[in-house]
Amino acid sequence: MKNMGLGGLALFMTGMWAMILAVAAFLVVFVAPIDVLLFDGQTSSRLTVSAVQAAIAIIVVIALVFGLSKMKRIYLQRKLGK
């Protein structure tokens, strides 16, 4: 397999930023208003809503880190020609 040039690096960086923006959009669009989605506008404990939001955000960020790590590993394997 031939080595990738700057095009490969640009594709890697574009994919990385696309993943980051997708996670940020998910957190803003779905996790922020979760009290409306889960509790249907009923009065609920702010602590409960915040705990659910924090748990989802932590899980999503951990998934993002693993996804970026996997993407980096694939890029490096192709870059090094293994």
PDB file of N, CA and C in Angstrom:
ATOM      1  N   MET A   1       0.850  -1.178   0.000  1.00  0.00           N
ATOM      2  CA  MET A   1       0.000   0.000   0.000  1.00  0.00           C
ATOM      3  C   MET A   1       0.897   1.242   0.000  1.00  0.00           C
ATOM      4  N   LYS A   2       0.555   2.204  -0.838  1.00  0.00           N
ATOM      5  CA  LYS A   2       1.383   3.399  -0.904  1.00  0.00           C
ATOM      6  C   LYS A   2       1.106   4.323   0.278  1.00  0.00           C
ATOM      7  N   ASN A   3       2.087   5.120   0.624  1.00  0.00           N
ATOM      8  CA  ASN A   3       1.947   6.061   1.735  1.00  0.00           C
ATOM      9  C   ASN A   3       0.994   7.186   1.352  1.00  0.00           C
ATOM     10  N   MET A   4       0.250   7.653   2.324  1.00  0.00           N
ATOM     11  CA  MET A   4      -0.682   8.745   2.095  1.00  0.00           C
ATOM     12  C   MET A   4       0.052  10.064   2.277  1.00  0.00           C
ATOM     13  N   GLY A   5      -0.310  11.044   1.475  1.00  0.00           N
ATOM     14  CA  GLY A   5       0.330  12.347   1.566  1.00  0.00           C
ATOM     15  C   GLY A   5      -0.489  13.298   2.417  1.00  0.00           C
ATOM     16  N   LEU A   6      -0.431  14.555   2.057  1.00  0.00           N
ATOM     17  CA  LEU A   6      -1.177  15.571   2.792  1.00  0.00           C
ATOM     18  C   LEU A   6      -2.684  15.397   2.645  1.00  0.00           C
ATOM     19  N   GLY A   7      -3.111  14.793   1.549  1.00  0.00           N
ATOM     20  CA  GLY A   7      -4.543  14.530   1.370  1.00  0.00           C
ATOM     21  C   GLY A   7      -5.079  13.592   2.440  1.00  0.00           C
ATOM     22  N   GLY A   8      -4.281  12.596   2.790  1.00  0.00           N
ATOM     23  CA  GLY A   8      -4.684  11.667   3.839  1.00  0.00           C
ATOM     24  C   GLY A   8      -4.769  12.348   5.193  1.00  0.00           C
ATOM     25  N   LEU A   9      -3.809  13.233   5.452  1.00  0.00           N
ATOM     26  CA  LEU A   9      -3.825  13.980   6.709  1.00  0.00           C
ATOM     27  C   LEU A   9      -5.031  14.910   6.767  1.00  0.00           C
ATOM     28  N   ALA A  10      -5.319  15.580   5.658  1.00  0.00           N
ATOM     29  CA  ALA A  10      -6.486  16.469   5.611  1.00  0.00           C
ATOM     30  C   ALA A  10      -7.781  15.682   5.806  1.00  0.00           C
ATOM     31  N   LEU A  11      -7.865  14.492   5.220  1.00  0.00           N
ATOM     32  CA  LEU A  11      -9.049  13.647   5.400  1.00  0.00           C
ATOM     33  C   LEU A  11      -9.176  13.193   6.853  1.00  0.00           C
ATOM     34  N   PHE A  12      -8.049  12.838   7.470  1.00  0.00           N
ATOM     35  CA  PHE A  12      -8.054  12.438   8.875  1.00  0.00           C
ATOM     36  C   PHE A  12      -8.529  13.582   9.763  1.00  0.00           C
ATOM     37  N   MET A  13      -7.996  14.781   9.530  1.00  0.00           N
ATOM     38  CA  MET A  13      -8.382  15.932  10.350  1.00  0.00           C
ATOM     39  C   MET A  13      -9.845  16.312  10.130  1.00  0.00           C
ATOM     40  N   THR A  14     -10.325  16.201   8.905  1.00  0.00           N
ATOM     41  CA  THR A  14     -11.735  16.492   8.615  1.00  0.00           C
ATOM     42  C   THR A  14     -12.634  15.488   9.339  1.00  0.00           C
ATOM     43  N   GLY A  15     -12.265  14.227   9.308  1.00  0.00           N
ATOM     44  CA  GLY A  15     -13.043  13.208  10.010  1.00  0.00           C
ATOM     45  C   GLY A  15     -13.039  13.416  11.509  1.00  0.00           C
ATOM     46  N   MET A  16     -11.873  13.803  12.036  1.00  0.00           N
ATOM     47  CA  MET A  16     -11.759  14.057  13.469  1.00  0.00           C
ATOM     48  C   MET A  16     -12.683  15.209  13.885  1.00  0.00           C
ATOM     49  N   TRP A  17     -12.624  16.314  13.146  1.00  0.00           N
ATOM     50  CA  TRP A  17     -13.470  17.460  13.489  1.00  0.00           C
ATOM     51  C   TRP A  17     -14.945  17.164  13.273  1.00  0.00           C
ATOM     52  N   ALA A  18     -15.268  16.346  12.280  1.00  0.00           N
ATOM     53  CA  ALA A  18     -16.659  15.966  12.064  1.00  0.00           C
ATOM     54  C   ALA A  18     -17.192  15.175  13.259  1.00  0.00           C
ATOM     55  N   MET A  19     -16.363  14.278  13.798  1.00  0.00           N
ATOM     56  CA  MET A  19     -16.776  13.516  14.978  1.00  0.00           C
ATOM     57  C   MET A  19     -16.978  14.435  16.180  1.00  0.00           C
ATOM     58  N   ILE A  20     -16.069  15.376  16.379  1.00  0.00           N
ATOM     59  CA  ILE A  20     -16.177  16.294  17.515  1.00  0.00           C
ATOM     60  C   ILE A  20     -17.421  17.162  17.393  1.00  0.00           C
ATOM     61  N   LEU A  21     -17.676  17.688  16.193  1.00  0.00           N
ATOM     62  CA  LEU A  21     -18.863  18.526  15.993  1.00  0.00           C
ATOM     63  C   LEU A  21     -20.156  17.723  16.124  1.00  0.00           C
ATOM     64  N   ALA A  22     -20.140  16.468  15.688  1.00  0.00           N
ATOM     65  CA  ALA A  22     -21.323  15.620  15.834  1.00  0.00           C
ATOM     66  C   ALA A  22     -21.632  15.366  17.310  1.00  0.00           C
ATOM     67  N   VAL A  23     -20.608  15.111  18.104  1.00  0.00           N
ATOM     68  CA  VAL A  23     -20.810  14.895  19.543  1.00  0.00           C
ATOM     69  C   VAL A  23     -21.302  16.174  20.210  1.00  0.00           C
ATOM     70  N   ALA A  24     -20.720  17.312  19.847  1.00  0.00           N
ATOM     71  CA  ALA A  24     -21.154  18.584  20.425  1.00  0.00           C
ATOM     72  C   ALA A  24     -22.601  18.869  20.057  1.00  0.00           C
ATOM     73  N   ALA A  25     -22.976  18.624  18.804  1.00  0.00           N
ATOM     74  CA  ALA A  25     -24.365  18.845  18.389  1.00  0.00           C
ATOM     75  C   ALA A  25     -25.314  17.920  19.135  1.00  0.00           C
ATOM     76  N   PHE A  26     -24.921  16.662  19.326  1.00  0.00           N
ATOM     77  CA  PHE A  26     -25.754  15.723  20.080  1.00  0.00           C
ATOM     78  C   PHE A  26     -25.970  16.217  21.507  1.00  0.00           C
ATOM     79  N   LEU A  27     -24.895  16.671  22.140  1.00  0.00           N
ATOM     80  CA  LEU A  27     -25.017  17.137  23.520  1.00  0.00           C
ATOM     81  C   LEU A  27     -25.915  18.371  23.617  1.00  0.00           C
ATOM     82  N   VAL A  28     -25.795  19.282  22.668  1.00  0.00           N
ATOM     83  CA  VAL A  28     -26.606  20.506  22.713  1.00  0.00           C
ATOM     84  C   VAL A  28     -28.055  20.234  22.366  1.00  0.00           C
ATOM     85  N   VAL A  29     -28.294  19.425  21.327  1.00  0.00           N
ATOM     86  CA  VAL A  29     -29.656  19.231  20.827  1.00  0.00           C
ATOM     87  C   VAL A  29     -30.452  18.240  21.679  1.00  0.00           C
ATOM     88  N   PHE A  30     -29.822  17.153  22.132  1.00  0.00           N
ATOM     89  CA  PHE A  30     -30.579  16.110  22.818  1.00  0.00           C
ATOM     90  C   PHE A  30     -30.370  16.055  24.331  1.00  0.00           C
ATOM     91  N   VAL A  31     -29.153  16.333  24.794  1.00  0.00           N
ATOM     92  CA  VAL A  31     -28.889  16.178  26.223  1.00  0.00           C
ATOM     93  C   VAL A  31     -29.298  17.419  27.009  1.00  0.00           C
ATOM     94  N   ALA A  32     -29.096  18.590  26.457  1.00  0.00           N
ATOM     95  CA  ALA A  32     -29.442  19.816  27.180  1.00  0.00           C
ATOM     96  C   ALA A  32     -30.928  19.891  27.538  1.00  0.00           C
ATOM     97  N   PRO A  33     -31.845  19.626  26.598  1.00  0.00           N
ATOM     98  CA  PRO A  33     -33.272  19.685  26.957  1.00  0.00           C
ATOM     99  C   PRO A  33     -33.838  18.339  27.411  1.00  0.00           C
ATOM    100  N   ILE A  34     -33.038  17.536  28.074  1.00  0.00           N
ATOM    101  CA  ILE A  34     -33.473  16.181  28.415  1.00  0.00           C
ATOM    102  C   ILE A  34     -34.623  16.170  29.428  1.00  0.00           C
ATOM    103  N   ASP A  35     -34.752  17.207  30.219  1.00  0.00           N
ATOM    104  CA  ASP A  35     -35.872  17.237  31.161  1.00  0.00           C
ATOM    105  C   ASP A  35     -37.200  17.306  30.419  1.00  0.00           C
ATOM    106  N   VAL A  36     -37.233  17.969  29.290  1.00  0.00           N
ATOM    107  CA  VAL A  36     -38.458  18.027  28.482  1.00  0.00           C
ATOM    108  C   VAL A  36     -38.698  16.690  27.801  1.00  0.00           C
ATOM    109  N   LEU A  37     -37.626  16.056  27.321  1.00  0.00           N
ATOM    110  CA  LEU A  37     -37.775  14.790  26.611  1.00  0.00           C
ATOM    111  C   LEU A  37     -38.138  13.632  27.537  1.00  0.00           C
ATOM    112  N   LEU A  38     -37.466  13.539  28.671  1.00  0.00           N
ATOM    113  CA  LEU A  38     -37.698  12.409  29.568  1.00  0.00           C
ATOM    114  C   LEU A  38     -38.891  12.602  30.492  1.00  0.00           C
ATOM    115  N   PHE A  39     -39.001  13.782  31.053  1.00  0.00           N
ATOM    116  CA  PHE A  39     -40.019  14.016  32.074  1.00  0.00           C
ATOM    117  C   PHE A  39     -41.245  14.722  31.528  1.00  0.00           C
ATOM    118  N   ASP A  40     -41.288  14.967  30.228  1.00  0.00           N
ATOM    119  CA  ASP A  40     -42.438  15.543  29.535  1.00  0.00           C
ATOM    120  C   ASP A  40     -42.902  16.848  30.160  1.00  0.00           C
ATOM    121  N   GLY A  41     -41.964  17.673  30.563  1.00  0.00           N
ATOM    122  CA  GLY A  41     -42.291  18.983  31.100  1.00  0.00           C
ATOM    123  C   GLY A  41     -42.810  18.980  32.524  1.00  0.00           C
ATOM    124  N   GLN A  42     -42.932  17.818  33.141  1.00  0.00           N
ATOM    125  CA  GLN A  42     -43.402  17.757  34.520  1.00  0.00           C
ATOM    126  C   GLN A  42     -42.300  18.286  35.436  1.00  0.00           C
ATOM    127  N   THR A  43     -42.720  18.706  36.604  1.00  0.00           N
ATOM    128  CA  THR A  43     -41.710  19.181  37.548  1.00  0.00           C
ATOM    129  C   THR A  43     -40.871  17.991  38.017  1.00  0.00           C
ATOM    130  N   SER A  44     -39.585  18.146  37.913  1.00  0.00           N
ATOM    131  CA  SER A  44     -38.672  17.092  38.333  1.00  0.00           C
ATOM    132  C   SER A  44     -37.503  17.731  39.073  1.00  0.00           C
ATOM    133  N   SER A  45     -36.836  16.933  39.812  1.00  0.00           N
ATOM    134  CA  SER A  45     -35.710  17.415  40.600  1.00  0.00           C
ATOM    135  C   SER A  45     -34.581  17.860  39.675  1.00  0.00           C
ATOM    136  N   ARG A  46     -34.086  19.064  39.904  1.00  0.00           N
ATOM    137  CA  ARG A  46     -32.976  19.574  39.094  1.00  0.00           C
ATOM    138  C   ARG A  46     -31.741  18.691  39.271  1.00  0.00           C
ATOM    139  N   LEU A  47     -31.582  18.137  40.456  1.00  0.00           N
ATOM    140  CA  LEU A  47     -30.446  17.262  40.720  1.00  0.00           C
ATOM    141  C   LEU A  47     -30.543  15.986  39.875  1.00  0.00           C
ATOM    142  N   THR A  48     -31.730  15.420  39.759  1.00  0.00           N
ATOM    143  CA  THR A  48     -31.931  14.218  38.956  1.00  0.00           C
ATOM    144  C   THR A  48     -31.634  14.498  37.488  1.00  0.00           C
ATOM    145  N   VAL A  49     -32.159  15.600  36.981  1.00  0.00           N
ATOM    146  CA  VAL A  49     -31.941  15.966  35.578  1.00  0.00           C
ATOM    147  C   VAL A  49     -30.453  16.196  35.323  1.00  0.00           C
ATOM    148  N   SER A  50     -29.798  16.901  36.231  1.00  0.00           N
ATOM    149  CA  SER A  50     -28.367  17.164  36.070  1.00  0.00           C
ATOM    150  C   SER A  50     -27.543  15.885  36.130  1.00  0.00           C
ATOM    151  N   ALA A  51     -27.921  14.960  36.992  1.00  0.00           N
ATOM    152  CA  ALA A  51     -27.205  13.689  37.090  1.00  0.00           C
ATOM    153  C   ALA A  51     -27.352  12.881  35.803  1.00  0.00           C
ATOM    154  N   VAL A  52     -28.552  12.859  35.243  1.00  0.00           N
ATOM    155  CA  VAL A  52     -28.779  12.144  33.983  1.00  0.00           C
ATOM    156  C   VAL A  52     -27.982  12.809  32.856  1.00  0.00           C
ATOM    157  N   GLN A  53     -28.019  14.135  32.793  1.00  0.00           N
ATOM    158  CA  GLN A  53     -27.266  14.854  31.769  1.00  0.00           C
ATOM    159  C   GLN A  53     -25.763  14.600  31.905  1.00  0.00           C
ATOM    160  N   ALA A  54     -25.255  14.628  33.107  1.00  0.00           N
ATOM    161  CA  ALA A  54     -23.829  14.395  33.333  1.00  0.00           C
ATOM    162  C   ALA A  54     -23.431  12.981  32.937  1.00  0.00           C
ATOM    163  N   ALA A  55     -24.251  12.005  33.293  1.00  0.00           N
ATOM    164  CA  ALA A  55     -23.943  10.616  32.961  1.00  0.00           C
ATOM    165  C   ALA A  55     -23.908  10.416  31.448  1.00  0.00           C
ATOM    166  N   ILE A  56     -24.888  10.959  30.747  1.00  0.00           N
ATOM    167  CA  ILE A  56     -24.915  10.829  29.288  1.00  0.00           C
ATOM    168  C   ILE A  56     -23.712  11.532  28.678  1.00  0.00           C
ATOM    169  N   ALA A  57     -23.404  12.730  29.154  1.00  0.00           N
ATOM    170  CA  ALA A  57     -22.273  13.481  28.601  1.00  0.00           C
ATOM    171  C   ALA A  57     -20.955  12.743  28.826  1.00  0.00           C
ATOM    172  N   ILE A  58     -20.761  12.168  29.987  1.00  0.00           N
ATOM    173  CA  ILE A  58     -19.530  11.426  30.280  1.00  0.00           C
ATOM    174  C   ILE A  58     -19.410  10.210  29.367  1.00  0.00           C
ATOM    175  N   ILE A  59     -20.494   9.475  29.195  1.00  0.00           N
ATOM    176  CA  ILE A  59     -20.479   8.293  28.326  1.00  0.00           C
ATOM    177  C   ILE A  59     -20.173   8.679  26.886  1.00  0.00           C
ATOM    178  N   VAL A  60     -20.786   9.773  26.417  1.00  0.00           N
ATOM    179  CA  VAL A  60     -20.569  10.213  25.038  1.00  0.00           C
ATOM    180  C   VAL A  60     -19.125  10.675  24.834  1.00  0.00           C
ATOM    181  N   VAL A  61     -18.568  11.381  25.794  1.00  0.00           N
ATOM    182  CA  VAL A  61     -17.184  11.848  25.662  1.00  0.00           C
ATOM    183  C   VAL A  61     -16.212  10.671  25.703  1.00  0.00           C
ATOM    184  N   ILE A  62     -16.471   9.680  26.524  1.00  0.00           N
ATOM    185  CA  ILE A  62     -15.623   8.483  26.551  1.00  0.00           C
ATOM    186  C   ILE A  62     -15.703   7.755  25.208  1.00  0.00           C
ATOM    187  N   ALA A  63     -16.906   7.644  24.639  1.00  0.00           N
ATOM    188  CA  ALA A  63     -17.056   7.019  23.318  1.00  0.00           C
ATOM    189  C   ALA A  63     -16.303   7.825  22.258  1.00  0.00           C
ATOM    190  N   LEU A  64     -16.341   9.149  22.357  1.00  0.00           N
ATOM    191  CA  LEU A  64     -15.613   9.998  21.418  1.00  0.00           C
ATOM    192  C   LEU A  64     -14.113   9.745  21.512  1.00  0.00           C
ATOM    193  N   VAL A  65     -13.590   9.651  22.716  1.00  0.00           N
ATOM    194  CA  VAL A  65     -12.159   9.407  22.899  1.00  0.00           C
ATOM    195  C   VAL A  65     -11.765   8.064  22.301  1.00  0.00           C
ATOM    196  N   PHE A  66     -12.565   7.032  22.541  1.00  0.00           N
ATOM    197  CA  PHE A  66     -12.255   5.728  21.957  1.00  0.00           C
ATOM    198  C   PHE A  66     -12.358   5.760  20.439  1.00  0.00           C
ATOM    199  N   GLY A  67     -13.350   6.459  19.904  1.00  0.00           N
ATOM    200  CA  GLY A  67     -13.493   6.579  18.451  1.00  0.00           C
ATOM    201  C   GLY A  67     -12.324   7.310  17.820  1.00  0.00           C
ATOM    202  N   LEU A  68     -11.898   8.405  18.435  1.00  0.00           N
ATOM    203  CA  LEU A  68     -10.752   9.147  17.911  1.00  0.00           C
ATOM    204  C   LEU A  68      -9.473   8.325  17.996  1.00  0.00           C
ATOM    205  N   SER A  69      -9.332   7.557  19.070  1.00  0.00           N
ATOM    206  CA  SER A  69      -8.154   6.710  19.222  1.00  0.00           C
ATOM    207  C   SER A  69      -8.118   5.632  18.137  1.00  0.00           C
ATOM    208  N   LYS A  70      -9.258   5.030  17.867  1.00  0.00           N
ATOM    209  CA  LYS A  70      -9.342   4.001  16.821  1.00  0.00           C
ATOM    210  C   LYS A  70      -9.030   4.610  15.457  1.00  0.00           C
ATOM    211  N   MET A  71      -9.577   5.804  15.202  1.00  0.00           N
ATOM    212  CA  MET A  71      -9.332   6.479  13.936  1.00  0.00           C
ATOM    213  C   MET A  71      -7.843   6.813  13.784  1.00  0.00           C
ATOM    214  N   LYS A  72      -7.203   7.239  14.860  1.00  0.00           N
ATOM    215  CA  LYS A  72      -5.775   7.550  14.831  1.00  0.00           C
ATOM    216  C   LYS A  72      -4.950   6.303  14.548  1.00  0.00           C
ATOM    217  N   ARG A  73      -5.338   5.197  15.177  1.00  0.00           N
ATOM    218  CA  ARG A  73      -4.624   3.942  14.959  1.00  0.00           C
ATOM    219  C   ARG A  73      -4.714   3.506  13.493  1.00  0.00           C
ATOM    220  N   ILE A  74      -5.906   3.624  12.903  1.00  0.00           N
ATOM    221  CA  ILE A  74      -6.087   3.266  11.492  1.00  0.00           C
ATOM    222  C   ILE A  74      -5.243   4.173  10.609  1.00  0.00           C
ATOM    223  N   TYR A  75      -5.253   5.465  10.892  1.00  0.00           N
ATOM    224  CA  TYR A  75      -4.466   6.417  10.103  1.00  0.00           C
ATOM    225  C   TYR A  75      -2.975   6.086  10.172  1.00  0.00           C
ATOM    226  N   LEU A  76      -2.477   5.829  11.375  1.00  0.00           N
ATOM    227  CA  LEU A  76      -1.060   5.538  11.535  1.00  0.00           C
ATOM    228  C   LEU A  76      -0.660   4.233  10.860  1.00  0.00           C
ATOM    229  N   GLN A  77      -1.535   3.233  10.908  1.00  0.00           N
ATOM    230  CA  GLN A  77      -1.231   1.972  10.225  1.00  0.00           C
ATOM    231  C   GLN A  77      -1.120   2.182   8.720  1.00  0.00           C
ATOM    232  N   ARG A  78      -2.023   2.985   8.171  1.00  0.00           N
ATOM    233  CA  ARG A  78      -1.958   3.264   6.736  1.00  0.00           C
ATOM    234  C   ARG A  78      -0.768   4.154   6.401  1.00  0.00           C
ATOM    235  N   LYS A  79      -0.466   5.102   7.275  1.00  0.00           N
ATOM    236  CA  LYS A  79       0.648   6.022   7.036  1.00  0.00           C
ATOM    237  C   LYS A  79       1.980   5.277   7.067  1.00  0.00           C
ATOM    238  N   LEU A  80       2.124   4.344   7.987  1.00  0.00           N
ATOM    239  CA  LEU A  80       3.368   3.603   8.120  1.00  0.00           C
ATOM    240  C   LEU A  80       3.455   2.438   7.148  1.00  0.00           C
ATOM    241  N   GLY A  81       2.336   2.130   6.484  1.00  0.00           N
ATOM    242  CA  GLY A  81       2.340   1.095   5.453  1.00  0.00           C
ATOM    243  C   GLY A  81       2.326  -0.324   5.968  1.00  0.00           C
ATOM    244  N   LYS A  82       1.804  -0.520   7.166  1.00  0.00           N
ATOM    245  CA  LYS A  82       1.764  -1.874   7.726  1.00  0.00           C
ATOM    246  C   LYS A  82       0.489  -2.568   7.336  1.00  0.00           C
TER     247      LYS A  82
END
